[in-house]
């Protein structure tokens, strides 16, 4: 025999269990304004204030990024220049090769 889960007998037990678990927190009329105030200025710092307080780490990070970018850019440029130089030398030698020259 199949039992119906939506029967009133089982529904009453579930309702009673849910009612026992229900919480009733007390109301705080200043909750929303407190949340808005905390979101408006977390820690009371602006970007400039944060930079002033953390000037040394920010300057170190900027300097490190500048040095790393310069070094990597110079390395990439020298590799590209070497590849271009090799290609130019190869095309120059091919142009001088008598076996590949066209006769007039």
C-alpha atoms as a PDB file:
ATOM      1  CA  UNK A   1       0.000   0.000   0.000  1.00  0.00           C
ATOM      2  CA  UNK A   2       1.279   3.398  -0.988  1.00  0.00           C
ATOM      3  CA  UNK A   3       1.229   6.276   1.497  1.00  0.00           C
ATOM      4  CA  UNK A   4       0.569   9.822   0.454  1.00  0.00           C
ATOM      5  CA  UNK A   5       3.305  12.218   1.658  1.00  0.00           C
ATOM      6  CA  UNK A   6       0.918  15.184   1.459  1.00  0.00           C
ATOM      7  CA  UNK A   7      -1.584  13.615   3.847  1.00  0.00           C
ATOM      8  CA  UNK A   8      -2.776  15.928   6.620  1.00  0.00           C
ATOM      9  CA  UNK A   9      -1.387  13.608   9.339  1.00  0.00           C
ATOM     10  CA  UNK A  10       2.216  13.845   8.116  1.00  0.00           C
ATOM     11  CA  UNK A  11       1.794  17.519   7.210  1.00  0.00           C
ATOM     12  CA  UNK A  12       1.027  18.382  10.832  1.00  0.00           C
ATOM     13  CA  UNK A  13       4.234  16.739  12.064  1.00  0.00           C
ATOM     14  CA  UNK A  14       6.340  18.553   9.490  1.00  0.00           C
ATOM     15  CA  UNK A  15       4.678  21.861  10.303  1.00  0.00           C
ATOM     16  CA  UNK A  16       5.333  21.327  14.004  1.00  0.00           C
ATOM     17  CA  UNK A  17       9.010  20.502  13.331  1.00  0.00           C
ATOM     18  CA  UNK A  18       9.419  23.597  11.165  1.00  0.00           C
ATOM     19  CA  UNK A  19       7.714  25.770  13.760  1.00  0.00           C
ATOM     20  CA  UNK A  20      10.181  24.519  16.402  1.00  0.00           C
ATOM     21  CA  UNK A  21      13.119  25.496  14.161  1.00  0.00           C
ATOM     22  CA  UNK A  22      11.825  28.973  13.320  1.00  0.00           C
ATOM     23  CA  UNK A  23      13.888  31.832  14.733  1.00  0.00           C
ATOM     24  CA  UNK A  24      12.552  35.191  15.787  1.00  0.00           C
ATOM     25  CA  UNK A  25      15.458  37.649  15.921  1.00  0.00           C
ATOM     26  CA  UNK A  26      14.867  40.963  17.616  1.00  0.00           C
ATOM     27  CA  UNK A  27      14.420  43.979  15.364  1.00  0.00           C
ATOM     28  CA  UNK A  28      17.126  46.603  15.188  1.00  0.00           C
ATOM     29  CA  UNK A  29      15.863  49.872  13.671  1.00  0.00           C
ATOM     30  CA  UNK A  30      19.399  51.136  13.004  1.00  0.00           C
ATOM     31  CA  UNK A  31      20.585  48.008  11.151  1.00  0.00           C
ATOM     32  CA  UNK A  32      20.253  49.365   7.609  1.00  0.00           C
ATOM     33  CA  UNK A  33      21.884  52.687   8.415  1.00  0.00           C
ATOM     34  CA  UNK A  34      24.763  50.894  10.158  1.00  0.00           C
ATOM     35  CA  UNK A  35      25.305  48.639   7.134  1.00  0.00           C
ATOM     36  CA  UNK A  36      25.227  51.620   4.757  1.00  0.00           C
ATOM     37  CA  UNK A  37      27.722  53.494   6.915  1.00  0.00           C
ATOM     38  CA  UNK A  38      30.100  50.508   6.935  1.00  0.00           C
ATOM     39  CA  UNK A  39      29.804  50.105   3.157  1.00  0.00           C
ATOM     40  CA  UNK A  40      30.272  53.802   2.430  1.00  0.00           C
ATOM     41  CA  UNK A  41      33.843  54.021   3.732  1.00  0.00           C
ATOM     42  CA  UNK A  42      35.337  50.706   4.843  1.00  0.00           C
ATOM     43  CA  UNK A  43      37.895  51.515   7.476  1.00  0.00           C
ATOM     44  CA  UNK A  44      37.305  55.206   6.833  1.00  0.00           C
ATOM     45  CA  UNK A  45      40.031  55.261   4.165  1.00  0.00           C
ATOM     46  CA  UNK A  46      39.978  56.714   0.703  1.00  0.00           C
ATOM     47  CA  UNK A  47      42.341  55.569  -2.060  1.00  0.00           C
ATOM     48  CA  UNK A  48      44.720  58.414  -1.350  1.00  0.00           C
ATOM     49  CA  UNK A  49      44.635  57.677   2.352  1.00  0.00           C
ATOM     50  CA  UNK A  50      45.413  54.030   1.663  1.00  0.00           C
ATOM     51  CA  UNK A  51      48.339  55.002  -0.578  1.00  0.00           C
ATOM     52  CA  UNK A  52      49.706  57.363   2.057  1.00  0.00           C
ATOM     53  CA  UNK A  53      49.604  54.657   4.714  1.00  0.00           C
ATOM     54  CA  UNK A  54      51.171  52.073   2.398  1.00  0.00           C
ATOM     55  CA  UNK A  55      53.573  54.305   0.463  1.00  0.00           C
ATOM     56  CA  UNK A  56      56.650  52.096   0.826  1.00  0.00           C
ATOM     57  CA  UNK A  57      55.050  48.831  -0.370  1.00  0.00           C
ATOM     58  CA  UNK A  58      53.232  50.624  -3.207  1.00  0.00           C
ATOM     59  CA  UNK A  59      56.445  52.325  -4.357  1.00  0.00           C
ATOM     60  CA  UNK A  60      58.351  49.029  -4.109  1.00  0.00           C
ATOM     61  CA  UNK A  61      55.712  47.222  -6.175  1.00  0.00           C
ATOM     62  CA  UNK A  62      55.741  49.963  -8.829  1.00  0.00           C
ATOM     63  CA  UNK A  63      59.540  49.953  -8.966  1.00  0.00           C
ATOM     64  CA  UNK A  64      59.662  46.168  -9.218  1.00  0.00           C
ATOM     65  CA  UNK A  65      57.095  46.199 -12.027  1.00  0.00           C
ATOM     66  CA  UNK A  66      59.081  48.879 -13.869  1.00  0.00           C
ATOM     67  CA  UNK A  67      62.364  46.984 -13.559  1.00  0.00           C
ATOM     68  CA  UNK A  68      60.813  43.646 -14.561  1.00  0.00           C
ATOM     69  CA  UNK A  69      59.049  45.225 -17.542  1.00  0.00           C
ATOM     70  CA  UNK A  70      62.222  46.948 -18.715  1.00  0.00           C
ATOM     71  CA  UNK A  71      64.311  43.807 -18.413  1.00  0.00           C
ATOM     72  CA  UNK A  72      61.772  41.597 -20.187  1.00  0.00           C
ATOM     73  CA  UNK A  73      61.250  44.192 -22.927  1.00  0.00           C
ATOM     74  CA  UNK A  74      64.991  44.494 -23.546  1.00  0.00           C
ATOM     75  CA  UNK A  75      65.343  40.706 -23.682  1.00  0.00           C
ATOM     76  CA  UNK A  76      62.473  40.361 -26.149  1.00  0.00           C
ATOM     77  CA  UNK A  77      63.815  43.191 -28.325  1.00  0.00           C
ATOM     78  CA  UNK A  78      67.302  41.679 -28.488  1.00  0.00           C
ATOM     79  CA  UNK A  79      65.871  38.267 -29.462  1.00  0.00           C
ATOM     80  CA  UNK A  80      63.795  39.871 -32.201  1.00  0.00           C
ATOM     81  CA  UNK A  81      66.783  41.882 -33.468  1.00  0.00           C
ATOM     82  CA  UNK A  82      68.879  38.689 -33.627  1.00  0.00           C
ATOM     83  CA  UNK A  83      66.156  36.892 -35.589  1.00  0.00           C
ATOM     84  CA  UNK A  84      65.826  39.825 -38.015  1.00  0.00           C
ATOM     85  CA  UNK A  85      69.611  39.984 -38.426  1.00  0.00           C
ATOM     86  CA  UNK A  86      69.763  36.264 -39.253  1.00  0.00           C
ATOM     87  CA  UNK A  87      66.934  36.608 -41.785  1.00  0.00           C
ATOM     88  CA  UNK A  88      68.624  39.595 -43.481  1.00  0.00           C
ATOM     89  CA  UNK A  89      71.961  37.775 -43.656  1.00  0.00           C
ATOM     90  CA  UNK A  90      70.308  34.713 -45.178  1.00  0.00           C
ATOM     91  CA  UNK A  91      68.453  36.746 -47.798  1.00  0.00           C
ATOM     92  CA  UNK A  92      71.658  38.661 -48.644  1.00  0.00           C
ATOM     93  CA  UNK A  93      73.649  35.457 -49.135  1.00  0.00           C
ATOM     94  CA  UNK A  94      70.885  33.980 -51.302  1.00  0.00           C
ATOM     95  CA  UNK A  95      70.888  37.109 -53.448  1.00  0.00           C
ATOM     96  CA  UNK A  96      74.649  36.739 -54.049  1.00  0.00           C
ATOM     97  CA  UNK A  97      74.537  33.009 -54.798  1.00  0.00           C
ATOM     98  CA  UNK A  98      75.384  32.494 -58.459  1.00  0.00           C
ATOM     99  CA  UNK A  99      73.327  29.314 -58.688  1.00  0.00           C
ATOM    100  CA  UNK A 100      70.108  31.215 -57.906  1.00  0.00           C
ATOM    101  CA  UNK A 101      70.778  34.302 -60.054  1.00  0.00           C
ATOM    102  CA  UNK A 102      68.657  34.738 -63.130  1.00  0.00           C
ATOM    103  CA  UNK A 103      70.515  35.291 -66.404  1.00  0.00           C
ATOM    104  CA  UNK A 104      69.624  38.381 -68.407  1.00  0.00           C
END
